[in-house]
Amino acid sequence: MRVLAIDPGARRLGLALSDASGTLATPWQVVGSGGSIEEDADRLAAIVTELKAEDDGLQAIVVGLPLRLDGTPNEQTARARALAARLGTVTGLHIVLQDERLTSREAEQRLALRMTDWRKRKERLDAAAAAVILQDYLDTRGR
């Protein structure tokens, strides 16, 4: 069971994929945000269509849900919920919202261990954050 995770941002969308067993998350790619939810959902739907056509397919999409540290919604929460709803409509896949608090910070720390150049880390940060979101989902789903 492969799962795609999305770290939604205003400028970039970080993507991560699980392995076929649904155990391990890997940063995959970063795509630019088109600005509107419809544009982003359509761009992601094209990617999802390609993934669904592969042998091990795609079973679900996990969308990072941005929240404040106290758990209340922030400025990006409604956008992430709207993107998730639109993706569910256009892809027909099961959509899960996953708390993404502190995932960018965790991803930055992990990348800093392997990459000293902050410019290179910045290029990969959104995909790495999506991988943290996905791994959190996979770990809690397995319990």
C-alpha atoms as a PDB file:
ATOM      1  CA  MET A   1       0.000   0.000   0.000  1.00  0.00           C
ATOM      2  CA  ARG A   2       1.739   3.167  -1.178  1.00  0.00           C
ATOM      3  CA  VAL A   3       0.793   6.501   0.319  1.00  0.00           C
ATOM      4  CA  LEU A   4       1.580  10.016  -0.913  1.00  0.00           C
ATOM      5  CA  ALA A   5       2.103  12.828   1.584  1.00  0.00           C
ATOM      6  CA  ILE A   6       1.829  16.526   0.842  1.00  0.00           C
ATOM      7  CA  ASP A   7       3.302  19.336   2.886  1.00  0.00           C
ATOM      8  CA  PRO A   8       1.171  22.224   1.599  1.00  0.00           C
ATOM      9  CA  GLY A   9       2.749  25.639   1.493  1.00  0.00           C
ATOM     10  CA  ALA A  10       1.944  28.976  -0.071  1.00  0.00           C
ATOM     11  CA  ARG A  11       4.906  28.768  -2.462  1.00  0.00           C
ATOM     12  CA  ARG A  12       5.825  25.087  -2.630  1.00  0.00           C
ATOM     13  CA  LEU A  13       4.242  21.690  -2.093  1.00  0.00           C
ATOM     14  CA  GLY A  14       6.555  19.082  -0.614  1.00  0.00           C
ATOM     15  CA  LEU A  15       5.830  15.486  -1.625  1.00  0.00           C
ATOM     16  CA  ALA A  16       6.888  12.211  -0.034  1.00  0.00           C
ATOM     17  CA  LEU A  17       6.067   8.601  -0.888  1.00  0.00           C
ATOM     18  CA  SER A  18       5.899   5.471   1.185  1.00  0.00           C
ATOM     19  CA  ASP A  19       7.361   2.178   0.103  1.00  0.00           C
ATOM     20  CA  ALA A  20       5.026  -0.519  -1.241  1.00  0.00           C
ATOM     21  CA  SER A  21       4.589  -2.044   2.215  1.00  0.00           C
ATOM     22  CA  GLY A  22       3.437   1.269   3.703  1.00  0.00           C
ATOM     23  CA  THR A  23       6.221   1.217   6.284  1.00  0.00           C
ATOM     24  CA  LEU A  24       8.881   3.726   5.253  1.00  0.00           C
ATOM     25  CA  ALA A  25       8.476   7.338   4.067  1.00  0.00           C
ATOM     26  CA  THR A  26      10.915   8.907   1.619  1.00  0.00           C
ATOM     27  CA  PRO A  27      11.158  12.543   0.487  1.00  0.00           C
ATOM     28  CA  TRP A  28      10.251  12.616  -3.188  1.00  0.00           C
ATOM     29  CA  GLN A  29       9.965  16.024  -4.824  1.00  0.00           C
ATOM     30  CA  VAL A  30       8.930  19.647  -4.468  1.00  0.00           C
ATOM     31  CA  VAL A  31       6.458  21.250  -6.855  1.00  0.00           C
ATOM     32  CA  GLY A  32       5.605  24.916  -7.102  1.00  0.00           C
ATOM     33  CA  SER A  33       2.297  26.138  -5.815  1.00  0.00           C
ATOM     34  CA  GLY A  34       0.109  27.747  -8.460  1.00  0.00           C
ATOM     35  CA  GLY A  35      -1.506  30.058  -5.975  1.00  0.00           C
ATOM     36  CA  SER A  36      -5.084  28.778  -6.054  1.00  0.00           C
ATOM     37  CA  ILE A  37      -6.318  25.598  -4.440  1.00  0.00           C
ATOM     38  CA  GLU A  38      -7.831  24.455  -7.735  1.00  0.00           C
ATOM     39  CA  GLU A  39      -4.523  24.873  -9.593  1.00  0.00           C
ATOM     40  CA  ASP A  40      -2.612  23.028  -6.882  1.00  0.00           C
ATOM     41  CA  ALA A  41      -5.174  20.215  -6.740  1.00  0.00           C
ATOM     42  CA  ASP A  42      -5.147  19.816 -10.528  1.00  0.00           C
ATOM     43  CA  ARG A  43      -1.331  19.732 -10.598  1.00  0.00           C
ATOM     44  CA  LEU A  44      -1.305  17.144  -7.819  1.00  0.00           C
ATOM     45  CA  ALA A  45      -4.090  15.129  -9.474  1.00  0.00           C
ATOM     46  CA  ALA A  46      -1.892  14.702 -12.560  1.00  0.00           C
ATOM     47  CA  ILE A  47       0.919  13.381 -10.368  1.00  0.00           C
ATOM     48  CA  VAL A  48      -1.499  11.077  -8.535  1.00  0.00           C
ATOM     49  CA  THR A  49      -2.805   9.696 -11.848  1.00  0.00           C
ATOM     50  CA  GLU A  50       0.738   8.695 -12.815  1.00  0.00           C
ATOM     51  CA  LEU A  51       1.344   7.090  -9.419  1.00  0.00           C
ATOM     52  CA  LYS A  52      -1.929   5.160  -9.519  1.00  0.00           C
ATOM     53  CA  ALA A  53      -0.919   3.695 -12.890  1.00  0.00           C
ATOM     54  CA  GLU A  54       2.269   2.158 -11.463  1.00  0.00           C
ATOM     55  CA  ASP A  55       2.381  -1.494 -10.417  1.00  0.00           C
ATOM     56  CA  ASP A  56       2.158  -0.876  -6.681  1.00  0.00           C
ATOM     57  CA  GLY A  57      -0.342   1.956  -7.171  1.00  0.00           C
ATOM     58  CA  LEU A  58      -1.421   4.501  -4.617  1.00  0.00           C
ATOM     59  CA  GLN A  59      -3.961   3.905  -1.868  1.00  0.00           C
ATOM     60  CA  ALA A  60      -4.207   7.177   0.031  1.00  0.00           C
ATOM     61  CA  ILE A  61      -3.025  10.758   0.309  1.00  0.00           C
ATOM     62  CA  VAL A  62      -1.921  12.358   3.574  1.00  0.00           C
ATOM     63  CA  VAL A  63      -2.138  16.146   3.680  1.00  0.00           C
ATOM     64  CA  GLY A  64      -0.244  18.009   6.386  1.00  0.00           C
ATOM     65  CA  LEU A  65      -2.568  20.077   8.552  1.00  0.00           C
ATOM     66  CA  PRO A  66      -0.855  23.222   9.826  1.00  0.00           C
ATOM     67  CA  LEU A  67      -1.828  24.162  13.368  1.00  0.00           C
ATOM     68  CA  ARG A  68      -0.470  26.440  16.045  1.00  0.00           C
ATOM     69  CA  LEU A  69       1.540  24.815  18.822  1.00  0.00           C
ATOM     70  CA  ASP A  70      -1.541  24.893  21.078  1.00  0.00           C
ATOM     71  CA  GLY A  71      -3.527  22.962  18.436  1.00  0.00           C
ATOM     72  CA  THR A  72      -5.699  25.829  17.226  1.00  0.00           C
ATOM     73  CA  PRO A  73      -6.049  26.630  13.506  1.00  0.00           C
ATOM     74  CA  ASN A  74      -3.705  29.165  11.926  1.00  0.00           C
ATOM     75  CA  GLU A  75      -3.781  31.156   8.677  1.00  0.00           C
ATOM     76  CA  GLN A  76      -2.917  28.089   6.540  1.00  0.00           C
ATOM     77  CA  THR A  77      -5.281  25.561   8.142  1.00  0.00           C
ATOM     78  CA  ALA A  78      -8.316  26.395   6.007  1.00  0.00           C
ATOM     79  CA  ARG A  79      -6.227  26.261   2.829  1.00  0.00           C
ATOM     80  CA  ALA A  80      -4.899  22.789   3.700  1.00  0.00           C
ATOM     81  CA  ARG A  81      -8.416  21.537   4.464  1.00  0.00           C
ATOM     82  CA  ALA A  82      -9.714  22.938   1.176  1.00  0.00           C
ATOM     83  CA  LEU A  83      -6.835  21.357  -0.756  1.00  0.00           C
ATOM     84  CA  ALA A  84      -7.522  17.994   0.901  1.00  0.00           C
ATOM     85  CA  ALA A  85     -11.232  18.197   0.058  1.00  0.00           C
ATOM     86  CA  ARG A  86     -10.530  19.115  -3.559  1.00  0.00           C
ATOM     87  CA  LEU A  87      -7.943  16.324  -3.894  1.00  0.00           C
ATOM     88  CA  GLY A  88     -10.445  13.809  -2.585  1.00  0.00           C
ATOM     89  CA  THR A  89     -12.948  14.925  -5.195  1.00  0.00           C
ATOM     90  CA  VAL A  90     -10.592  14.920  -8.188  1.00  0.00           C
ATOM     91  CA  THR A  91      -8.592  11.772  -7.331  1.00  0.00           C
ATOM     92  CA  GLY A  92     -11.183   9.550  -5.670  1.00  0.00           C
ATOM     93  CA  LEU A  93      -8.567   8.445  -3.136  1.00  0.00           C
ATOM     94  CA  HIS A  94      -8.869   8.306   0.639  1.00  0.00           C
ATOM     95  CA  ILE A  95      -7.555  11.606   2.076  1.00  0.00           C
ATOM     96  CA  VAL A  96      -6.161  11.907   5.593  1.00  0.00           C
ATOM     97  CA  LEU A  97      -5.299  15.141   7.383  1.00  0.00           C
ATOM     98  CA  GLN A  98      -2.204  14.731   9.556  1.00  0.00           C
ATOM     99  CA  ASP A  99      -1.001  17.199  12.171  1.00  0.00           C
ATOM    100  CA  GLU A 100       2.182  18.800  10.870  1.00  0.00           C
ATOM    101  CA  ARG A 101       3.275  20.811  13.895  1.00  0.00           C
ATOM    102  CA  LEU A 102       7.083  21.089  14.086  1.00  0.00           C
ATOM    103  CA  THR A 103       7.664  18.840  11.055  1.00  0.00           C
ATOM    104  CA  SER A 104       9.652  21.503   9.195  1.00  0.00           C
ATOM    105  CA  ARG A 105      11.881  21.958  12.209  1.00  0.00           C
ATOM    106  CA  GLU A 106      12.439  18.201  12.509  1.00  0.00           C
ATOM    107  CA  ALA A 107      13.132  17.947   8.771  1.00  0.00           C
ATOM    108  CA  GLU A 108      15.619  20.833   8.974  1.00  0.00           C
ATOM    109  CA  GLN A 109      17.462  19.142  11.829  1.00  0.00           C
ATOM    110  CA  ARG A 110      17.663  15.844   9.933  1.00  0.00           C
ATOM    111  CA  LEU A 111      18.908  17.547   6.784  1.00  0.00           C
ATOM    112  CA  ALA A 112      21.494  19.567   8.742  1.00  0.00           C
ATOM    113  CA  LEU A 113      23.112  16.323   9.883  1.00  0.00           C
ATOM    114  CA  ARG A 114      23.851  15.352   6.276  1.00  0.00           C
ATOM    115  CA  MET A 115      24.090  18.666   4.421  1.00  0.00           C
ATOM    116  CA  THR A 116      26.177  21.610   5.529  1.00  0.00           C
ATOM    117  CA  ASP A 117      25.086  23.972   2.745  1.00  0.00           C
ATOM    118  CA  TRP A 118      21.855  25.685   3.878  1.00  0.00           C
ATOM    119  CA  ARG A 119      20.923  26.500   0.247  1.00  0.00           C
ATOM    120  CA  LYS A 120      20.795  22.810  -0.642  1.00  0.00           C
ATOM    121  CA  ARG A 121      18.869  22.048   2.544  1.00  0.00           C
ATOM    122  CA  LYS A 122      16.313  24.715   1.696  1.00  0.00           C
ATOM    123  CA  GLU A 123      15.696  23.114  -1.729  1.00  0.00           C
ATOM    124  CA  ARG A 124      14.854  19.791  -0.085  1.00  0.00           C
ATOM    125  CA  LEU A 125      13.145  21.009   3.087  1.00  0.00           C
ATOM    126  CA  ASP A 126       9.534  20.782   1.890  1.00  0.00           C
ATOM    127  CA  ALA A 127       9.916  17.202   0.631  1.00  0.00           C
ATOM    128  CA  ALA A 128      11.731  16.254   3.839  1.00  0.00           C
ATOM    129  CA  ALA A 129       8.906  17.779   5.901  1.00  0.00           C
ATOM    130  CA  ALA A 130       6.395  15.777   3.842  1.00  0.00           C
ATOM    131  CA  ALA A 131       8.390  12.645   4.674  1.00  0.00           C
ATOM    132  CA  VAL A 132       8.189  13.455   8.400  1.00  0.00           C
ATOM    133  CA  ILE A 133       4.416  13.954   8.076  1.00  0.00           C
ATOM    134  CA  LEU A 134       4.081  10.673   6.202  1.00  0.00           C
ATOM    135  CA  GLN A 135       6.260   8.715   8.615  1.00  0.00           C
ATOM    136  CA  ASP A 136       4.195  10.024  11.553  1.00  0.00           C
ATOM    137  CA  TYR A 137       1.049   8.842   9.761  1.00  0.00           C
ATOM    138  CA  LEU A 138       2.515   5.426   8.905  1.00  0.00           C
ATOM    139  CA  ASP A 139       3.753   4.914  12.465  1.00  0.00           C
ATOM    140  CA  THR A 140       0.426   5.787  14.088  1.00  0.00           C
ATOM    141  CA  ARG A 141      -1.554   3.762  11.522  1.00  0.00           C
ATOM    142  CA  GLY A 142       0.476   0.673  12.341  1.00  0.00           C
ATOM    143  CA  ARG A 143      -0.451   0.752  16.039  1.00  0.00           C
END
